[in-house]
Every structure is written in C-alpha cells, then in structure tokens.
Protein backbone atom coordinates (compact mmCIF):
# COMPACT_ATOMS: atom_id res chain seq x y z
CA UNK A 1 0.01 -0.01 -0.05
CA UNK A 2 1.23 3.49 -0.84
CA UNK A 3 2.34 5.24 2.28
CA UNK A 4 0.94 8.67 1.09
CA UNK A 5 -2.50 7.15 0.63
CA UNK A 6 -2.42 5.85 4.16
CA UNK A 7 -2.03 9.35 5.64
CA UNK A 8 -5.77 9.86 5.72
CA UNK A 9 -7.94 11.28 8.52
CA UNK A 10 -7.95 7.89 10.35
CA UNK A 11 -4.23 7.98 10.47
CA UNK A 12 -4.08 11.34 12.13
CA UNK A 13 -6.90 10.49 14.55
CA UNK A 14 -5.18 7.32 15.57
CA UNK A 15 -1.81 9.10 15.96
CA UNK A 16 -3.47 11.79 18.09
CA UNK A 17 -5.13 9.10 20.20
CA UNK A 18 -1.73 7.40 20.78
CA UNK A 19 -0.24 10.74 21.80
CA UNK A 20 -3.03 11.34 24.25
CA UNK A 21 -2.73 7.80 25.67
CA UNK A 22 1.03 8.33 26.08
CA UNK A 23 0.40 11.53 28.03
CA UNK A 24 -2.11 9.70 30.21
CA UNK A 25 0.46 6.99 30.75
CA UNK A 26 2.93 9.60 31.76
CA UNK A 27 0.38 11.03 34.12
CA UNK A 28 -0.36 7.72 35.86
CA UNK A 29 3.36 6.81 36.07
CA UNK A 30 4.35 10.18 37.55
CA UNK A 31 1.34 10.17 39.91
CA UNK A 32 2.23 6.70 41.23
CA UNK A 33 5.83 7.69 41.96
CA UNK A 34 4.99 11.08 43.45
CA UNK A 35 2.23 9.81 45.76
CA UNK A 36 4.26 6.85 46.97
CA UNK A 37 7.51 8.74 47.38
CA UNK A 38 6.10 11.85 48.95
CA UNK A 39 6.72 12.17 52.71
CA UNK A 40 3.49 12.29 54.61
CA UNK A 41 5.23 14.33 57.24
CA UNK A 42 6.17 17.12 54.69
CA UNK A 43 2.67 16.81 53.18
CA UNK A 44 1.22 17.38 56.63
CA UNK A 45 3.40 20.40 57.18
CA UNK A 46 2.33 21.85 53.76
CA UNK A 47 -1.35 21.13 54.46
CA UNK A 48 -0.96 22.90 57.84
CA UNK A 49 0.31 25.97 55.99
CA UNK A 50 -2.82 25.91 53.83
CA UNK A 51 -1.91 23.82 50.83
CA UNK A 52 -5.13 22.19 49.58
CA UNK A 53 -3.30 19.91 47.17
CA UNK A 54 -1.22 18.44 50.02
CA UNK A 55 -4.35 17.95 52.05
CA UNK A 56 -5.94 16.02 49.26
CA UNK A 57 -2.67 14.00 48.72
CA UNK A 58 -2.78 13.03 52.39
CA UNK A 59 -6.31 11.69 52.00
CA UNK A 60 -5.63 9.88 48.78
CA UNK A 61 -2.58 8.10 50.24
CA UNK A 62 -4.40 6.91 53.38
CA UNK A 63 -5.37 3.74 51.46
CA UNK A 64 -2.22 2.87 49.49
CA UNK A 65 -3.54 -0.39 48.24
CA UNK A 66 -6.59 1.24 46.69
CA UNK A 67 -4.57 4.06 45.26
CA UNK A 68 -1.87 1.76 43.66
CA UNK A 69 -4.61 -0.52 42.25
CA UNK A 70 -6.46 2.39 40.59
CA UNK A 71 -3.27 3.90 39.19
CA UNK A 72 -1.91 0.63 37.87
CA UNK A 73 -5.28 -0.24 36.34
CA UNK A 74 -5.42 3.15 34.45
CA UNK A 75 -1.73 2.94 33.49
CA UNK A 76 -2.01 -0.64 32.02
CA UNK A 77 -5.21 0.16 30.15
CA UNK A 78 -3.77 3.23 28.35
CA UNK A 79 -0.46 1.42 27.64
CA UNK A 80 -2.12 -1.68 26.16
CA UNK A 81 -4.53 0.50 24.22
CA UNK A 82 -1.79 2.73 22.88
CA UNK A 83 0.30 -0.30 21.83
CA UNK A 84 -2.69 -1.88 20.09
CA UNK A 85 -3.45 1.26 18.19
CA UNK A 86 0.18 1.63 17.18
CA UNK A 87 0.30 -1.97 15.90
CA UNK A 88 -2.89 -1.54 13.92
CA UNK A 89 -1.66 1.78 12.43
CA UNK A 90 1.83 0.57 11.49
CA UNK A 91 0.53 -2.72 10.19
CA UNK A 92 -1.80 -0.86 7.86
CA UNK A 93 1.10 1.13 6.51
CA UNK A 94 4.03 -1.38 6.47
CA UNK A 95 2.25 -4.71 6.53
CA UNK A 96 3.48 -7.58 8.60
CA UNK A 97 6.64 -5.80 9.47
CA UNK A 98 4.58 -3.14 11.21
CA UNK A 99 4.17 -5.39 14.32
CA UNK A 100 7.93 -5.42 14.97
CA UNK A 101 8.16 -1.69 14.18
CA UNK A 102 5.28 -0.92 16.54
CA UNK A 103 6.86 -2.86 19.31
CA UNK A 104 10.16 -0.98 18.91
CA UNK A 105 8.58 2.46 18.56
CA UNK A 106 6.12 2.06 21.42
CA UNK A 107 8.71 0.59 23.75
CA UNK A 108 10.98 3.67 23.23
CA UNK A 109 8.06 6.15 23.48
CA UNK A 110 6.62 4.52 26.63
CA UNK A 111 10.01 4.09 28.26
CA UNK A 112 11.19 7.68 27.67
CA UNK A 113 8.02 9.88 27.73
CA UNK A 114 5.71 7.72 29.89
CA UNK A 115 8.00 6.18 32.44
CA UNK A 116 11.49 7.60 32.89
CA UNK A 117 10.64 11.32 32.27
CA UNK A 118 7.57 11.64 34.55
CA UNK A 119 9.09 9.44 37.23
CA UNK A 120 12.28 11.38 37.29
CA UNK A 121 10.42 14.63 37.73
CA UNK A 122 8.15 13.07 40.45
CA UNK A 123 11.06 11.58 42.37
CA UNK A 124 12.98 14.92 42.10
CA UNK A 125 10.17 16.87 43.87
CA UNK A 126 7.69 14.30 45.13
CA UNK A 127 5.62 16.60 47.56
CA UNK A 128 5.12 19.23 44.86
CA UNK A 129 4.13 16.60 42.24
CA UNK A 130 1.88 14.84 44.67
CA UNK A 131 0.00 18.04 45.49
CA UNK A 132 -0.38 18.72 41.73
CA UNK A 133 -1.82 15.32 40.79
CA UNK A 134 -3.80 14.57 43.98
CA UNK A 135 -7.17 16.06 42.76
CA UNK A 136 -7.37 14.25 39.43
CA UNK A 137 -6.03 10.98 40.93
CA UNK A 138 -8.83 11.21 43.54
CA UNK A 139 -11.36 11.28 40.75
CA UNK A 140 -9.64 8.36 39.04
CA UNK A 141 -9.67 6.28 42.28
CA UNK A 142 -13.35 7.10 42.82
CA UNK A 143 -14.30 6.04 39.24
CA UNK A 144 -12.22 2.82 39.26
CA UNK A 145 -12.95 1.84 42.84
CA UNK A 146 -15.56 -0.89 41.94
CA UNK A 147 -13.07 -2.62 39.55
CA UNK A 148 -10.16 -2.09 42.06
CA UNK A 149 -12.24 -3.59 44.85
CA UNK A 150 -12.88 -6.73 42.79
CA UNK A 151 -9.19 -6.97 41.86
CA UNK A 152 -8.19 -6.59 45.54
CA UNK A 153 -10.52 -9.40 46.54
CA UNK A 154 -9.15 -11.75 43.86
CA UNK A 155 -5.49 -10.84 44.86
CA UNK A 156 -6.20 -11.54 48.58
CA UNK A 157 -7.89 -14.86 47.77
CA UNK A 158 -4.84 -15.90 45.65
CA UNK A 159 -2.47 -14.84 48.41
CA UNK A 160 -4.56 -16.71 51.07
CA UNK A 161 -4.16 -19.75 48.97
CA UNK A 162 -0.39 -19.50 49.53
CA UNK A 163 -0.87 -18.76 53.24
CA UNK A 164 -0.15 -14.97 52.97
CA UNK A 165 -2.57 -12.55 54.67
CA UNK A 166 -2.60 -8.88 53.96
CA UNK A 167 -3.58 -6.04 56.23
CA UNK A 168 -4.27 -2.81 54.41
CA UNK A 169 -4.07 -0.83 57.65
CA UNK A 170 -0.61 -2.10 58.57
CA UNK A 171 2.67 -0.40 57.67
CA UNK A 172 5.82 -2.11 56.69
CA UNK A 173 7.83 0.33 58.86
CA UNK A 174 6.59 2.06 62.02
CA UNK A 175 6.84 5.84 62.15
CA UNK A 176 9.62 5.53 64.71
CA UNK A 177 11.70 3.19 62.50
CA UNK A 178 11.16 5.52 59.57
CA UNK A 179 12.49 8.58 61.61
CA UNK A 180 15.39 6.46 62.93
CA UNK A 181 16.32 5.29 59.36
CA UNK A 182 16.07 8.83 58.06
CA UNK A 183 18.46 10.08 60.92
CA UNK A 184 20.95 7.26 60.22
CA UNK A 185 20.86 7.96 56.49
CA UNK A 186 21.22 11.72 57.09
CA UNK A 187 24.25 11.14 59.36
CA UNK A 188 25.91 8.80 56.80
CA UNK A 189 25.51 11.46 54.07
CA UNK A 190 26.82 14.25 56.32
CA UNK A 191 23.50 16.06 56.51
CA UNK A 192 22.89 15.35 60.27
CA UNK A 193 25.55 15.75 62.92
CA UNK A 194 26.31 12.84 65.16
CA UNK A 195 25.28 14.79 68.25
CA UNK A 196 21.95 15.80 66.76
CA UNK A 197 21.31 12.19 65.63
CA UNK A 198 22.07 10.87 69.12
CA UNK A 199 19.80 13.38 70.78
CA UNK A 200 16.88 12.61 68.56
CA UNK A 201 17.29 8.89 68.72
CA UNK A 202 17.70 9.16 72.51
CA UNK A 203 14.37 10.92 72.74
CA UNK A 204 12.76 8.24 70.47
CA UNK A 205 14.19 5.37 72.63
CA UNK A 206 12.68 6.65 75.92
CA UNK A 207 9.54 4.61 75.48
CA UNK A 208 11.47 1.39 74.71
CA UNK A 209 13.87 1.76 77.72
CA UNK A 210 13.07 1.12 81.31
CA UNK A 211 14.18 2.58 84.61
CA UNK A 212 16.27 -0.50 85.36
CA UNK A 213 18.50 0.18 82.37
CA UNK A 214 19.68 3.68 83.49
CA UNK A 215 19.32 3.59 87.25
CA UNK A 216 22.28 3.82 89.64
CA UNK A 217 22.70 0.37 91.23
CA UNK A 218 22.09 0.05 94.94
CA UNK A 219 25.76 -0.86 95.50
CA UNK A 220 26.72 2.64 94.26
CA UNK A 221 24.07 4.61 96.25
CA UNK A 222 25.41 6.87 98.92
CA UNK A 223 23.15 6.52 101.96
CA UNK A 224 22.83 8.04 105.43
CA UNK A 225 22.17 6.03 108.62
CA UNK A 226 19.34 7.79 110.42
CA UNK A 227 20.54 6.42 113.78
CA UNK A 228 23.81 8.38 113.50
CA UNK A 229 24.26 11.60 115.40
CA UNK A 230 22.80 14.69 113.74
CA UNK A 231 26.30 16.38 113.58
CA UNK A 232 27.74 13.28 111.86
CA UNK A 233 24.73 13.28 109.44
CA UNK A 234 25.43 16.97 108.69
CA UNK A 235 29.14 16.17 107.99
CA UNK A 236 28.17 13.34 105.67
CA UNK A 237 25.73 15.41 103.75
CA UNK A 238 28.19 18.35 103.36
CA UNK A 239 30.94 15.87 102.23
CA UNK A 240 28.73 14.29 99.57
CA UNK A 241 28.72 15.51 95.99
CA UNK A 242 24.95 14.78 95.84
CA UNK A 243 22.26 17.18 97.07
CA UNK A 244 19.73 14.35 97.86
CA UNK A 245 20.57 11.37 99.96
CA UNK A 246 18.41 8.45 101.04
CA UNK A 247 18.00 7.87 104.80
CA UNK A 248 17.82 4.31 106.17
CA UNK A 249 17.25 2.82 109.58
CA UNK A 250 18.71 -0.49 110.52
CA UNK A 251 19.22 -2.15 107.08
CA UNK A 252 19.96 -0.28 103.88
CA UNK A 253 16.84 -1.72 102.34
CA UNK A 254 14.75 0.06 104.98
CA UNK A 255 14.74 3.61 103.37
CA UNK A 256 12.56 5.89 105.52
CA UNK A 257 13.27 9.23 103.86
CA UNK A 258 15.31 11.41 101.54
CA UNK A 259 17.26 14.35 102.90
CA UNK A 260 17.93 17.39 100.83
CA UNK A 261 21.10 19.36 101.73
CA UNK A 262 19.37 22.64 101.57
CA UNK A 263 16.55 21.55 103.81
CA UNK A 264 19.03 20.17 106.32
CA UNK A 265 21.15 23.32 106.26
CA UNK A 266 18.01 25.44 106.82
CA UNK A 267 17.08 23.26 109.81
CA UNK A 268 20.59 23.45 111.22
CA UNK A 269 20.66 27.20 110.77
CA UNK A 270 17.35 27.54 112.57
CA UNK A 271 18.49 25.22 115.38
CA UNK A 272 21.79 27.05 115.87
CA UNK A 273 20.19 30.50 115.92
CA UNK A 274 17.59 29.35 118.40
CA UNK A 275 20.20 27.59 120.58
CA UNK A 276 23.59 28.49 121.94
CA UNK A 277 25.16 28.49 118.49
CA UNK A 278 27.38 25.41 119.04
CA UNK A 279 27.13 22.01 117.33
CA UNK A 280 25.91 20.56 120.67
CA UNK A 281 22.55 22.18 119.94
CA UNK A 282 22.10 19.84 117.04
CA UNK A 283 21.74 16.74 119.21
CA UNK A 284 17.96 17.24 119.44
CA UNK A 285 17.55 17.96 115.75
CA UNK A 286 14.92 15.57 114.22
CA UNK A 287 16.46 14.63 110.94
CA UNK A 288 13.48 12.60 109.83
CA UNK A 289 11.18 15.59 110.32
CA UNK A 290 13.33 17.50 107.85
CA UNK A 291 13.48 14.70 105.31
CA UNK A 292 11.01 14.13 102.41
CA UNK A 293 9.00 10.95 102.09
CA UNK A 294 10.75 8.47 99.78
CA UNK A 295 9.27 8.01 96.36
CA UNK A 296 9.44 4.44 95.07
CA UNK A 297 9.06 3.40 91.42
CA UNK A 298 9.02 -0.03 89.78
CA UNK A 299 12.11 -1.07 87.84
CA UNK A 300 9.99 -1.86 84.77
CA UNK A 301 8.69 1.69 84.33
CA UNK A 302 9.39 3.08 80.87
CA UNK A 303 11.63 6.16 80.88
CA UNK A 304 9.18 8.43 79.04
CA UNK A 305 6.49 7.55 81.60
CA UNK A 306 8.91 8.18 84.54
CA UNK A 307 9.93 11.56 83.14
CA UNK A 308 6.26 12.58 82.93
CA UNK A 309 5.80 11.49 86.52
CA UNK A 310 8.85 13.47 87.65
CA UNK A 311 7.44 16.60 85.97
CA UNK A 312 4.02 15.98 87.34
CA UNK A 313 5.21 15.45 90.91
CA UNK A 314 7.87 18.23 90.62
CA UNK A 315 10.40 15.73 91.86
CA UNK A 316 13.80 14.76 90.52
CA UNK A 317 14.57 11.75 92.58
CA UNK A 318 13.09 8.24 92.96
CA UNK A 319 14.15 4.99 94.55
CA UNK A 320 13.82 1.93 92.32
CA UNK A 321 12.31 -1.38 93.64
CA UNK A 322 11.81 -4.75 92.05
CA UNK A 323 8.58 -6.84 92.06
CA UNK A 324 9.32 -7.99 95.60
CA UNK A 325 9.71 -4.47 96.91
CA UNK A 326 13.48 -4.81 97.38
CA UNK A 327 15.61 -1.79 96.75
CA UNK A 328 17.35 -2.05 93.36
CA UNK A 329 18.77 1.41 92.84
CA UNK A 330 17.83 5.07 92.32
CA UNK A 331 17.04 7.19 89.33
CA UNK A 332 16.95 10.98 88.83
CA UNK A 333 15.47 13.24 86.16
CA UNK A 334 19.08 13.99 85.17
CA UNK A 335 19.64 10.27 84.42
CA UNK A 336 16.74 10.33 81.97
CA UNK A 337 17.79 13.60 80.33
CA UNK A 338 21.22 12.22 79.86
CA UNK A 339 19.73 9.50 77.70
CA UNK A 340 18.76 12.28 75.26
CA UNK A 341 21.46 14.92 75.49
CA UNK A 342 24.43 12.79 76.68
CA UNK A 343 26.45 13.16 79.91
CA UNK A 344 25.68 16.19 81.97
CA UNK A 345 28.76 16.94 84.05
CA UNK A 346 29.11 19.57 86.75
CA UNK A 347 31.78 20.56 89.24
CA UNK A 348 30.72 17.90 91.68
CA UNK A 349 30.90 14.89 89.36
CA UNK A 350 33.73 12.73 90.41
CA UNK A 351 33.74 10.59 87.35
CA UNK A 352 32.05 11.81 84.27
CA UNK A 353 30.28 8.55 83.62
CA UNK A 354 33.45 6.55 82.96
CA UNK A 355 35.06 8.31 79.99
CA UNK A 356 36.22 6.29 77.07
CA UNK A 357 40.03 6.19 76.56
CA UNK A 358 41.42 5.13 73.26
CA UNK A 359 45.05 3.84 73.12
CA UNK A 360 47.46 4.18 70.23
CA UNK A 361 47.01 0.58 69.20
CA UNK A 362 43.28 1.12 68.52
CA UNK A 363 42.05 -0.43 71.79
CA UNK A 364 39.30 1.31 73.81
CA UNK A 365 39.77 1.23 77.55
CA UNK A 366 36.50 1.49 79.50
CA UNK A 367 35.19 1.05 83.00
CA UNK A 368 33.32 -2.24 83.38
CA UNK A 369 30.35 -0.34 84.84
CA UNK A 370 29.96 1.77 81.72
CA UNK A 371 26.62 1.11 80.05
CA UNK A 372 26.62 -0.55 76.63
CA UNK A 373 24.38 2.22 75.32
CA UNK A 374 26.88 4.95 76.31
CA UNK A 375 29.77 3.03 74.65
CA UNK A 376 27.74 2.59 71.47
CA UNK A 377 26.85 6.24 71.48
CA UNK A 378 30.46 7.37 72.08
CA UNK A 379 32.04 4.94 69.49
CA UNK A 380 29.18 4.55 66.97
CA UNK A 381 29.15 0.82 67.68
CA UNK A 382 26.16 -1.54 67.86
CA UNK A 383 26.91 -3.93 70.74
CA UNK A 384 23.65 -5.58 71.87
CA UNK A 385 22.14 -4.50 75.17
CA UNK A 386 19.16 -6.91 75.42
CA UNK A 387 20.82 -9.24 77.93
CA UNK A 388 23.05 -6.85 79.88
CA UNK A 389 23.12 -3.11 80.68
CA UNK A 390 26.87 -2.73 81.26
CA UNK A 391 30.01 -3.75 79.37
CA UNK A 392 31.07 -6.02 82.27
CA UNK A 393 27.63 -7.58 82.27
CA UNK A 394 27.86 -8.31 78.57
CA UNK A 395 31.22 -10.05 78.89
CA UNK A 396 29.98 -12.13 81.84
CA UNK A 397 26.84 -13.03 79.95
CA UNK A 398 28.73 -14.14 76.84
CA UNK A 399 31.48 -15.95 78.78
CA UNK A 400 28.94 -17.64 81.05
CA UNK A 401 31.40 -17.11 83.88
CA UNK A 402 33.19 -14.40 85.88
CA UNK A 403 36.48 -14.05 83.88
CA UNK A 404 39.85 -13.65 85.52
CA UNK A 405 42.22 -10.76 84.78
CA UNK A 406 43.90 -11.12 81.44
CA UNK A 407 41.35 -13.36 79.90
CA UNK A 408 40.39 -12.51 76.31
CA UNK A 409 37.06 -13.15 74.50
CA UNK A 410 35.82 -12.48 70.99
CA UNK A 411 32.13 -11.99 70.24
CA UNK A 412 29.83 -9.64 68.28
CA UNK A 413 32.82 -8.65 66.11
CA UNK A 414 34.94 -7.38 68.96
CA UNK A 415 37.87 -8.48 71.11
CA UNK A 416 37.37 -8.11 74.86
CA UNK A 417 40.24 -8.29 77.35
CA UNK A 418 39.76 -8.18 81.11
CA UNK A 419 42.27 -5.54 82.20
CA UNK A 420 41.39 -5.60 85.89
CA UNK A 421 39.05 -7.27 88.26
CA UNK A 422 38.11 -6.54 91.84
CA UNK A 423 36.42 -9.32 93.79
CA UNK A 424 33.60 -10.40 91.38
CA UNK A 425 33.46 -7.10 89.48
CA UNK A 426 35.18 -6.50 86.11
CA UNK A 427 36.48 -2.94 86.80
CA UNK A 428 38.34 -2.27 83.55
CA UNK A 429 38.17 -3.77 80.05
CA UNK A 430 40.03 -3.33 76.77
CA UNK A 431 37.90 -3.58 73.59
CA UNK A 432 39.02 -3.63 69.95
CA UNK A 433 36.92 -4.25 66.78
CA UNK A 434 38.04 -7.42 65.05
C-alpha cells in the first residue's frame, strides 16, 4: 500500500489518540511515583500551611492499596490500548513488519516519555508533584474503585491460597523506624551531625527503655544512717557531691526518707540560731522531720512515663524497687535527660560517667560499669544491650562465667580483654573491633 495514501484522517486521529494515551500513561506513572515517594510528614506540614493539594494528597494516600490499584489499572489500560493502536496503524502502513516496528517504537516512546521522564520529575520533587496530581487522581480512584475492589478481593484470595494474609491498615515500617532510618541515612550522608542524631534517637528510645537500664545500682548509692548523730549526718551530707541522699534505719533496704542538703542546712541554721550556736545544739535535731518521704518506682517503668511522673510530681529523685519491693537502685530526672542529651557533668561529678579512653593501638579502655548504650553512642558501635546493661555484664553473659584478669574473649565482632578485676566485678576492660 502506498504510504502517502495511508495518511488519511483515520491515520491522524489514531496518531493523536496514541499521543493522548502516552500523556495519560505519563500522568499515571508520575502520579504513582509522586504519591508513593512523597513524605507524609512534609505533606502534613504543607497542609497545615494551607496547601489544599497537600491535604488532598494525604487523604488519597491513606489507602495505598486502593490508590496503587487504581493507578496501575489506568496505566495498564492506556499502555495496552496505545500499543494496540500503534500496531494496527503501522501494520496498515508497513504490512506484517509493522508489528515489530510498533513494538520498537512504542517501547521507546513509553520508556522515555511515559516512564523515565515523569518518574524522574516526580522523584525529584515528590511533594510538589503529589500536591499537583492529587485532585485528578482522587477522581480516578473514585471512578475505578468498583473494579479495584474486585481486583483486591481476587488478589487476597490468591495470596490466602499461599498462606499470605494482607492487612491494608498495617505499615511495613513504623513511624519511629522511619525517623530512625532517616536520621541514620542523614548522618551517613553528612547532613545530620552525630550529636543531633544521638539526641533525637535518644528521645525516640525513651519509650523502649526502662528505669532499670539507666538507674544507679544500689551498690553505688550513697546513703545516710538515720541512727547516726545529727552532727555526723550533717558532716556526711556536706561531704557528699549529691544534694539528695536516702536515709535508712537499721538495714539499707529500709529507706525511711530522703534528705535534701538545703533543707538540712535550713534546719541546722534555725537550730543554731535558736540555741547556743554550738554543734551541741544539734543533738535534738529531728532529721526525719526535715526529710522528704521516699518516692518508690518499679524497675520496669518506661523512661518516658517516669519523666512525665517526675514533671507531674515536681520531683527529680526516685528509689527503684523490684517486684518484691526490694531496693534495686535510684534514678533521677538528670539520668533520663542524659539518655537524650548525653552526659551532663558539673563541678561535683567525680567521674564523668566513665570516659572512654582510646590507646594508640586502637584499643578502647573503658570502665566495666559503663553502660553498653553509652559506649555505642560514644564509638558509633552496635553492641547488643538486650541481655546486659553494662560492658562487664555483657562479657559475663557471653562468657557464662566471671572471667579472671587477662582473659580474652571474642564475640559480636569485637575482642574483649579483662584488664582488671576487683572481687567479682570487672572494673576495666580493653575492647578492639576485630
């Protein structure tokens, strides 16, 4: 057939229809990429600033399965239809060879103009593109919803046949994991500083960590014997770097109060001014009357909940007990804040939470009582802290024994050497990545 005679009205109508279908294909492809790649957090921020397109995009993406089904259905219909029209058109002009030519031409056109070009634009600025296409896509989803619902039912039945159950309301990643992943990626690319990443991750982790993990163990609690003489108690309080000290009577587990240094000094000042001004006037001072009632919390309390309780009670100090009511340790508001901002040191801190010392040969020397979380934060490591809270506890757990000085172990990709041991405590460890 003469090619010139083939260029009739039908040819141009068909060519125009193919062009329109290719544009529709580009619209569906770009919309799919934009709406799935757009950050819902950014869309929410734009919607709060008055963007109607972002608000519609949020509503459209609430049911991703329905959205994807409608977009894919529309995209496949226009692609198949455009390919069929191109095949019929080129076959009329070139005969049997038109099938191969149509396949080649449509593959290039669909790939360049209907896939790569719109998707590249959409992935470059997903929120802007999502806001732009949200309204027409909402109409498409509404119109195709009956067919999409039928397809969804068939897909679920087929998946159930293979033992796979789908939940349209579930998310592959929780919001917390998305934020944590974004922070880790931002830090690896240099967009987020390590300190900022640690602070944000620390705040996110509060709900997953308990009081037991950050408390000061009972063996390290400085306590005051209430049966001691008042002047001796005054001397002990003044010599302590802490402003709040638990008071016990008889046994250390029997905590009857918490003395604040300022409250004690006020009481001592009042007693001395009303007496003869000598320390002998303190012998009748009732220390327990000056002390606050002890505040006990379970060791399983989540840190975010405990912080809210501290703020609600306007208290900064709590004693930690186990399920039997036995004293396990103490926790302060500062301990919880340090999980977010890192170590808070002042002029009274004797040891700034066991600082990490790195030797010339690459070994890291740490105190055995240092928490695994603090070491991970300081060195950007990922030692597990599910079975133990401290470095010494991790070594003992993995070794299934209390190691002797000089023993070496290798686990979790690190070499651990016991540098020193005191009684049953591992006081210093040398750690080196393998």
